[in-house]
PDB file of N, CA and C in Angstrom:
ATOM      1  N   UNK A   1     -85.055 143.472  12.771  1.00  0.00           N
ATOM      2  CA  UNK A   1     -83.601 143.393  12.636  1.00  0.00           C
ATOM      3  C   UNK A   1     -83.165 144.427  13.555  1.00  0.00           C
ATOM      4  N   UNK A   2     -83.623 145.045  14.835  1.00  0.00           N
ATOM      5  CA  UNK A   2     -83.180 146.257  15.458  1.00  0.00           C
ATOM      6  C   UNK A   2     -83.049 145.210  16.623  1.00  0.00           C
ATOM      7  N   UNK A   3     -81.890 145.386  17.523  1.00  0.00           N
ATOM      8  CA  UNK A   3     -81.869 144.836  18.843  1.00  0.00           C
ATOM      9  C   UNK A   3     -81.749 145.771  19.752  1.00  0.00           C
ATOM     10  N   UNK A   4     -82.428 145.920  20.703  1.00  0.00           N
ATOM     11  CA  UNK A   4     -82.360 146.838  22.102  1.00  0.00           C
ATOM     12  C   UNK A   4     -82.615 148.155  21.422  1.00  0.00           C
ATOM     13  N   UNK A   5     -81.922 149.219  21.722  1.00  0.00           N
ATOM     14  CA  UNK A   5     -82.405 150.602  21.781  1.00  0.00           C
ATOM     15  C   UNK A   5     -80.852 150.926  20.770  1.00  0.00           C
ATOM     16  N   UNK A   6     -81.419 151.960  19.689  1.00  0.00           N
ATOM     17  CA  UNK A   6     -80.586 152.175  18.792  1.00  0.00           C
ATOM     18  C   UNK A   6     -79.029 152.461  19.365  1.00  0.00           C
ATOM     19  N   UNK A   7     -77.833 152.511  18.878  1.00  0.00           N
ATOM     20  CA  UNK A   7     -76.771 152.542  19.548  1.00  0.00           C
ATOM     21  C   UNK A   7     -75.993 153.384  18.206  1.00  0.00           C
ATOM     22  N   UNK A   8     -75.798 154.527  17.929  1.00  0.00           N
ATOM     23  CA  UNK A   8     -75.121 155.173  16.463  1.00  0.00           C
ATOM     24  C   UNK A   8     -73.866 155.600  17.149  1.00  0.00           C
ATOM     25  N   UNK A   9     -72.414 154.755  16.032  1.00  0.00           N
ATOM     26  CA  UNK A   9     -71.351 155.472  16.080  1.00  0.00           C
ATOM     27  C   UNK A   9     -70.953 156.030  14.615  1.00  0.00           C
ATOM     28  N   UNK A  10     -70.143 156.847  14.595  1.00  0.00           N
ATOM     29  CA  UNK A  10     -69.757 157.643  12.961  1.00  0.00           C
ATOM     30  C   UNK A  10     -68.292 156.614  12.245  1.00  0.00           C
ATOM     31  N   UNK A  11     -68.623 156.215  11.193  1.00  0.00           N
ATOM     32  CA  UNK A  11     -67.641 155.683  10.629  1.00  0.00           C
ATOM     33  C   UNK A  11     -67.500 156.066   9.488  1.00  0.00           C
ATOM     34  N   UNK A  12     -66.864 155.838   8.383  1.00  0.00           N
ATOM     35  CA  UNK A  12     -66.811 156.157   7.015  1.00  0.00           C
ATOM     36  C   UNK A  12     -67.406 155.218   6.116  1.00  0.00           C
ATOM     37  N   UNK A  13     -67.902 155.995   5.097  1.00  0.00           N
ATOM     38  CA  UNK A  13     -68.714 155.431   4.125  1.00  0.00           C
ATOM     39  C   UNK A  13     -67.087 154.962   2.990  1.00  0.00           C
ATOM     40  N   UNK A  14     -67.845 154.603   2.020  1.00  0.00           N
ATOM     41  CA  UNK A  14     -66.773 153.506   1.329  1.00  0.00           C
ATOM     42  C   UNK A  14     -66.074 155.250   0.764  1.00  0.00           C
ATOM     43  N   UNK A  15     -66.634 156.024   0.383  1.00  0.00           N
ATOM     44  CA  UNK A  15     -65.849 157.367  -0.733  1.00  0.00           C
ATOM     45  C   UNK A  15     -65.193 158.146   0.827  1.00  0.00           C
ATOM     46  N   UNK A  16     -65.142 157.965   1.922  1.00  0.00           N
ATOM     47  CA  UNK A  16     -64.411 158.471   3.295  1.00  0.00           C
ATOM     48  C   UNK A  16     -65.399 159.827   3.857  1.00  0.00           C
ATOM     49  N   UNK A  17     -66.528 159.762   3.293  1.00  0.00           N
ATOM     50  CA  UNK A  17     -67.369 160.506   4.271  1.00  0.00           C
ATOM     51  C   UNK A  17     -68.380 160.256   5.182  1.00  0.00           C
ATOM     52  N   UNK A  18     -68.515 160.672   6.202  1.00  0.00           N
ATOM     53  CA  UNK A  18     -68.810 160.408   7.698  1.00  0.00           C
ATOM     54  C   UNK A  18     -69.844 159.717   7.229  1.00  0.00           C
ATOM     55  N   UNK A  19     -70.229 158.941   8.134  1.00  0.00           N
ATOM     56  CA  UNK A  19     -71.789 158.264   8.078  1.00  0.00           C
ATOM     57  C   UNK A  19     -71.955 157.632   9.391  1.00  0.00           C
ATOM     58  N   UNK A  20     -73.190 157.411   9.893  1.00  0.00           N
ATOM     59  CA  UNK A  20     -73.884 157.378  11.429  1.00  0.00           C
ATOM     60  C   UNK A  20     -74.436 155.437  10.833  1.00  0.00           C
ATOM     61  N   UNK A  21     -73.825 154.334  11.725  1.00  0.00           N
ATOM     62  CA  UNK A  21     -74.460 153.321  11.580  1.00  0.00           C
ATOM     63  C   UNK A  21     -74.859 152.702  12.848  1.00  0.00           C
ATOM     64  N   UNK A  22     -76.048 152.240  12.941  1.00  0.00           N
ATOM     65  CA  UNK A  22     -76.536 151.747  13.952  1.00  0.00           C
ATOM     66  C   UNK A  22     -75.973 150.369  14.507  1.00  0.00           C
ATOM     67  N   UNK A  23     -75.193 150.176  15.572  1.00  0.00           N
ATOM     68  CA  UNK A  23     -74.368 149.001  15.743  1.00  0.00           C
ATOM     69  C   UNK A  23     -74.960 148.307  16.368  1.00  0.00           C
ATOM     70  N   UNK A  24     -76.279 148.494  17.109  1.00  0.00           N
ATOM     71  CA  UNK A  24     -77.324 147.636  17.423  1.00  0.00           C
ATOM     72  C   UNK A  24     -78.108 146.595  16.861  1.00  0.00           C
ATOM     73  N   UNK A  25     -78.182 147.021  15.263  1.00  0.00           N
ATOM     74  CA  UNK A  25     -78.486 146.020  14.255  1.00  0.00           C
ATOM     75  C   UNK A  25     -77.746 145.622  13.833  1.00  0.00           C
ATOM     76  N   UNK A  26     -76.245 145.596  14.120  1.00  0.00           N
ATOM     77  CA  UNK A  26     -74.884 145.034  13.437  1.00  0.00           C
ATOM     78  C   UNK A  26     -74.945 143.391  13.972  1.00  0.00           C
ATOM     79  N   UNK A  27     -74.593 142.842  12.860  1.00  0.00           N
ATOM     80  CA  UNK A  27     -74.396 141.294  13.190  1.00  0.00           C
ATOM     81  C   UNK A  27     -72.835 140.632  13.393  1.00  0.00           C
ATOM     82  N   UNK A  28     -71.953 140.983  12.135  1.00  0.00           N
ATOM     83  CA  UNK A  28     -70.874 141.030  11.954  1.00  0.00           C
ATOM     84  C   UNK A  28     -69.909 142.341  11.600  1.00  0.00           C
ATOM     85  N   UNK A  29     -69.020 142.272  11.685  1.00  0.00           N
ATOM     86  CA  UNK A  29     -68.182 143.128  10.670  1.00  0.00           C
ATOM     87  C   UNK A  29     -66.493 142.235  10.635  1.00  0.00           C
ATOM     88  N   UNK A  30     -66.739 142.326   9.153  1.00  0.00           N
ATOM     89  CA  UNK A  30     -64.972 141.996   8.609  1.00  0.00           C
ATOM     90  C   UNK A  30     -64.513 143.189   7.817  1.00  0.00           C
ATOM     91  N   UNK A  31     -62.925 142.390   7.420  1.00  0.00           N
ATOM     92  CA  UNK A  31     -62.531 143.266   6.933  1.00  0.00           C
ATOM     93  C   UNK A  31     -61.701 142.795   5.495  1.00  0.00           C
ATOM     94  N   UNK A  32     -61.794 143.553   4.280  1.00  0.00           N
ATOM     95  CA  UNK A  32     -61.681 142.944   3.098  1.00  0.00           C
ATOM     96  C   UNK A  32     -60.595 143.591   2.369  1.00  0.00           C
ATOM     97  N   UNK A  33     -59.951 143.341   1.427  1.00  0.00           N
ATOM     98  CA  UNK A  33     -59.380 144.125   0.738  1.00  0.00           C
ATOM     99  C   UNK A  33     -59.928 144.308  -1.220  1.00  0.00           C
ATOM    100  N   UNK A  34     -60.457 145.229  -1.367  1.00  0.00           N
ATOM    101  CA  UNK A  34     -61.117 145.911  -2.313  1.00  0.00           C
ATOM    102  C   UNK A  34     -59.990 146.697  -2.964  1.00  0.00           C
ATOM    103  N   UNK A  35     -59.747 146.485  -4.151  1.00  0.00           N
ATOM    104  CA  UNK A  35     -58.691 147.029  -5.026  1.00  0.00           C
ATOM    105  C   UNK A  35     -57.699 147.519  -4.054  1.00  0.00           C
ATOM    106  N   UNK A  36     -56.899 146.309  -3.301  1.00  0.00           N
ATOM    107  CA  UNK A  36     -55.826 147.569  -2.797  1.00  0.00           C
ATOM    108  C   UNK A  36     -55.982 148.142  -1.412  1.00  0.00           C
ATOM    109  N   UNK A  37     -57.433 148.118  -1.449  1.00  0.00           N
ATOM    110  CA  UNK A  37     -57.665 149.026  -0.109  1.00  0.00           C
ATOM    111  C   UNK A  37     -58.330 148.363   0.975  1.00  0.00           C
ATOM    112  N   UNK A  38     -58.233 148.898   2.084  1.00  0.00           N
ATOM    113  CA  UNK A  38     -58.891 147.537   3.436  1.00  0.00           C
ATOM    114  C   UNK A  38     -60.225 148.759   3.723  1.00  0.00           C
ATOM    115  N   UNK A  39     -61.191 147.536   3.230  1.00  0.00           N
ATOM    116  CA  UNK A  39     -62.226 147.964   3.578  1.00  0.00           C
ATOM    117  C   UNK A  39     -63.268 147.201   4.619  1.00  0.00           C
ATOM    118  N   UNK A  40     -64.331 147.736   5.246  1.00  0.00           N
ATOM    119  CA  UNK A  40     -64.947 147.107   6.301  1.00  0.00           C
ATOM    120  C   UNK A  40     -66.509 146.387   5.146  1.00  0.00           C
ATOM    121  N   UNK A  41     -66.893 144.940   5.788  1.00  0.00           N
ATOM    122  CA  UNK A  41     -68.566 144.924   5.398  1.00  0.00           C
ATOM    123  C   UNK A  41     -68.830 144.840   6.665  1.00  0.00           C
ATOM    124  N   UNK A  42     -70.046 145.523   6.688  1.00  0.00           N
ATOM    125  CA  UNK A  42     -70.630 145.257   7.915  1.00  0.00           C
ATOM    126  C   UNK A  42     -71.996 144.232   7.537  1.00  0.00           C
ATOM    127  N   UNK A  43     -72.641 143.170   8.262  1.00  0.00           N
ATOM    128  CA  UNK A  43     -74.113 142.598   7.865  1.00  0.00           C
ATOM    129  C   UNK A  43     -74.889 142.760   8.678  1.00  0.00           C
ATOM    130  N   UNK A  44     -75.944 143.049   8.643  1.00  0.00           N
ATOM    131  CA  UNK A  44     -77.138 143.308   9.650  1.00  0.00           C
ATOM    132  C   UNK A  44     -77.682 142.125   9.769  1.00  0.00           C
ATOM    133  N   UNK A  45     -78.163 141.321   8.607  1.00  0.00           N
ATOM    134  CA  UNK A  45     -78.846 139.616   8.742  1.00  0.00           C
ATOM    135  C   UNK A  45     -78.323 139.062   7.498  1.00  0.00           C
ATOM    136  N   UNK A  46     -78.714 138.008   7.236  1.00  0.00           N
ATOM    137  CA  UNK A  46     -78.156 136.869   5.704  1.00  0.00           C
ATOM    138  C   UNK A  46     -78.571 137.997   4.402  1.00  0.00           C
ATOM    139  N   UNK A  47     -79.329 138.908   4.348  1.00  0.00           N
ATOM    140  CA  UNK A  47     -79.610 139.722   2.965  1.00  0.00           C
ATOM    141  C   UNK A  47     -79.181 140.726   3.070  1.00  0.00           C
ATOM    142  N   UNK A  48     -78.687 141.744   4.094  1.00  0.00           N
ATOM    143  CA  UNK A  48     -78.278 142.951   4.267  1.00  0.00           C
ATOM    144  C   UNK A  48     -76.804 143.332   4.827  1.00  0.00           C
ATOM    145  N   UNK A  49     -75.610 143.893   3.652  1.00  0.00           N
ATOM    146  CA  UNK A  49     -74.529 143.795   4.171  1.00  0.00           C
ATOM    147  C   UNK A  49     -74.099 145.223   3.405  1.00  0.00           C
ATOM    148  N   UNK A  50     -73.474 145.931   3.947  1.00  0.00           N
ATOM    149  CA  UNK A  50     -72.735 146.908   2.899  1.00  0.00           C
ATOM    150  C   UNK A  50     -71.181 147.271   3.477  1.00  0.00           C
ATOM    151  N   UNK A  51     -70.637 147.888   2.409  1.00  0.00           N
ATOM    152  CA  UNK A  51     -68.983 148.388   2.239  1.00  0.00           C
ATOM    153  C   UNK A  51     -68.996 149.234   3.041  1.00  0.00           C
ATOM    154  N   UNK A  52     -68.244 149.252   4.060  1.00  0.00           N
ATOM    155  CA  UNK A  52     -67.973 150.730   4.262  1.00  0.00           C
ATOM    156  C   UNK A  52     -66.188 151.299   4.306  1.00  0.00           C
ATOM    157  N   UNK A  53     -65.517 152.387   4.483  1.00  0.00           N
ATOM    158  CA  UNK A  53     -64.715 152.716   4.807  1.00  0.00           C
ATOM    159  C   UNK A  53     -63.610 152.654   5.626  1.00  0.00           C
ATOM    160  N   UNK A  54     -64.201 151.876   6.792  1.00  0.00           N
ATOM    161  CA  UNK A  54     -64.111 151.882   8.049  1.00  0.00           C
ATOM    162  C   UNK A  54     -63.418 150.197   8.405  1.00  0.00           C
ATOM    163  N   UNK A  55     -62.522 150.230   8.713  1.00  0.00           N
ATOM    164  CA  UNK A  55     -62.229 148.412   8.728  1.00  0.00           C
ATOM    165  C   UNK A  55     -62.797 148.292  10.557  1.00  0.00           C
ATOM    166  N   UNK A  56     -62.023 146.973  10.593  1.00  0.00           N
ATOM    167  CA  UNK A  56     -62.727 146.594  11.645  1.00  0.00           C
ATOM    168  C   UNK A  56     -62.250 147.057  13.275  1.00  0.00           C
ATOM    169  N   UNK A  57     -60.944 147.641  13.023  1.00  0.00           N
ATOM    170  CA  UNK A  57     -60.333 147.599  14.364  1.00  0.00           C
ATOM    171  C   UNK A  57     -60.625 149.914  14.332  1.00  0.00           C
ATOM    172  N   UNK A  58     -61.455 150.029  13.276  1.00  0.00           N
ATOM    173  CA  UNK A  58     -61.766 151.477  13.194  1.00  0.00           C
ATOM    174  C   UNK A  58     -63.306 151.031  13.981  1.00  0.00           C
ATOM    175  N   UNK A  59     -64.579 150.276  13.753  1.00  0.00           N
ATOM    176  CA  UNK A  59     -65.475 149.707  14.303  1.00  0.00           C
ATOM    177  C   UNK A  59     -65.306 149.640  15.564  1.00  0.00           C
ATOM    178  N   UNK A  60     -64.109 148.449  16.526  1.00  0.00           N
ATOM    179  CA  UNK A  60     -64.406 148.754  17.640  1.00  0.00           C
ATOM    180  C   UNK A  60     -63.866 150.242  18.545  1.00  0.00           C
ATOM    181  N   UNK A  61     -63.341 150.466  17.882  1.00  0.00           N
ATOM    182  CA  UNK A  61     -62.920 151.555  18.412  1.00  0.00           C
ATOM    183  C   UNK A  61     -63.945 153.005  18.252  1.00  0.00           C
ATOM    184  N   UNK A  62     -65.121 152.968  17.132  1.00  0.00           N
ATOM    185  CA  UNK A  62     -65.709 153.866  17.334  1.00  0.00           C
ATOM    186  C   UNK A  62     -66.929 153.190  18.080  1.00  0.00           C
ATOM    187  N   UNK A  63     -66.918 152.254  18.482  1.00  0.00           N
ATOM    188  CA  UNK A  63     -67.905 151.290  19.627  1.00  0.00           C
ATOM    189  C   UNK A  63     -67.347 151.987  21.014  1.00  0.00           C
ATOM    190  N   UNK A  64     -66.224 151.551  21.120  1.00  0.00           N
ATOM    191  CA  UNK A  64     -65.756 152.181  22.583  1.00  0.00           C
ATOM    192  C   UNK A  64     -65.847 154.054  22.909  1.00  0.00           C
ATOM    193  N   UNK A  65     -66.555 154.737  21.656  1.00  0.00           N
ATOM    194  CA  UNK A  65     -66.505 156.329  22.152  1.00  0.00           C
ATOM    195  C   UNK A  65     -68.142 156.069  22.956  1.00  0.00           C
ATOM    196  N   UNK A  66     -68.327 157.102  23.397  1.00  0.00           N
ATOM    197  CA  UNK A  66     -70.069 157.394  24.194  1.00  0.00           C
ATOM    198  C   UNK A  66     -70.908 157.290  23.152  1.00  0.00           C
ATOM    199  N   UNK A  67     -71.971 156.844  23.658  1.00  0.00           N
ATOM    200  CA  UNK A  67     -72.647 157.267  22.182  1.00  0.00           C
ATOM    201  C   UNK A  67     -73.162 158.774  21.668  1.00  0.00           C
ATOM    202  N   UNK A  68     -73.784 158.633  20.515  1.00  0.00           N
ATOM    203  CA  UNK A  68     -74.266 159.907  19.846  1.00  0.00           C
ATOM    204  C   UNK A  68     -75.001 160.159  20.235  1.00  0.00           C
ATOM    205  N   UNK A  69     -75.386 161.295  20.808  1.00  0.00           N
ATOM    206  CA  UNK A  69     -77.271 161.969  21.143  1.00  0.00           C
ATOM    207  C   UNK A  69     -77.771 162.171  19.723  1.00  0.00           C
ATOM    208  N   UNK A  70     -78.786 161.610  20.213  1.00  0.00           N
ATOM    209  CA  UNK A  70     -79.985 161.673  18.884  1.00  0.00           C
ATOM    210  C   UNK A  70     -80.820 162.663  19.660  1.00  0.00           C
ATOM    211  N   UNK A  71     -81.491 163.584  18.990  1.00  0.00           N
ATOM    212  CA  UNK A  71     -82.956 164.567  19.067  1.00  0.00           C
ATOM    213  C   UNK A  71     -83.888 163.603  19.172  1.00  0.00           C
ATOM    214  N   UNK A  72     -84.446 163.662  19.936  1.00  0.00           N
ATOM    215  CA  UNK A  72     -86.136 162.850  20.133  1.00  0.00           C
ATOM    216  C   UNK A  72     -87.006 163.250  19.025  1.00  0.00           C
TER     217      UNK A  72
END
């Protein structure tokens, strides 16, 4: 499922808490209206999707930020 080296960005979970997402494994991101709130849906493959509190614009902004360093 992973494509290349991991590239983590900080996004918001559905409850507003920060979360790290490996965008190198992400296939698509869309924004949906869920009970009046705009939230994002990240797709990793045909069978794995997650609902997040970040929108497409939030994901694009996070992708433009420097990589989050991870300890080996």
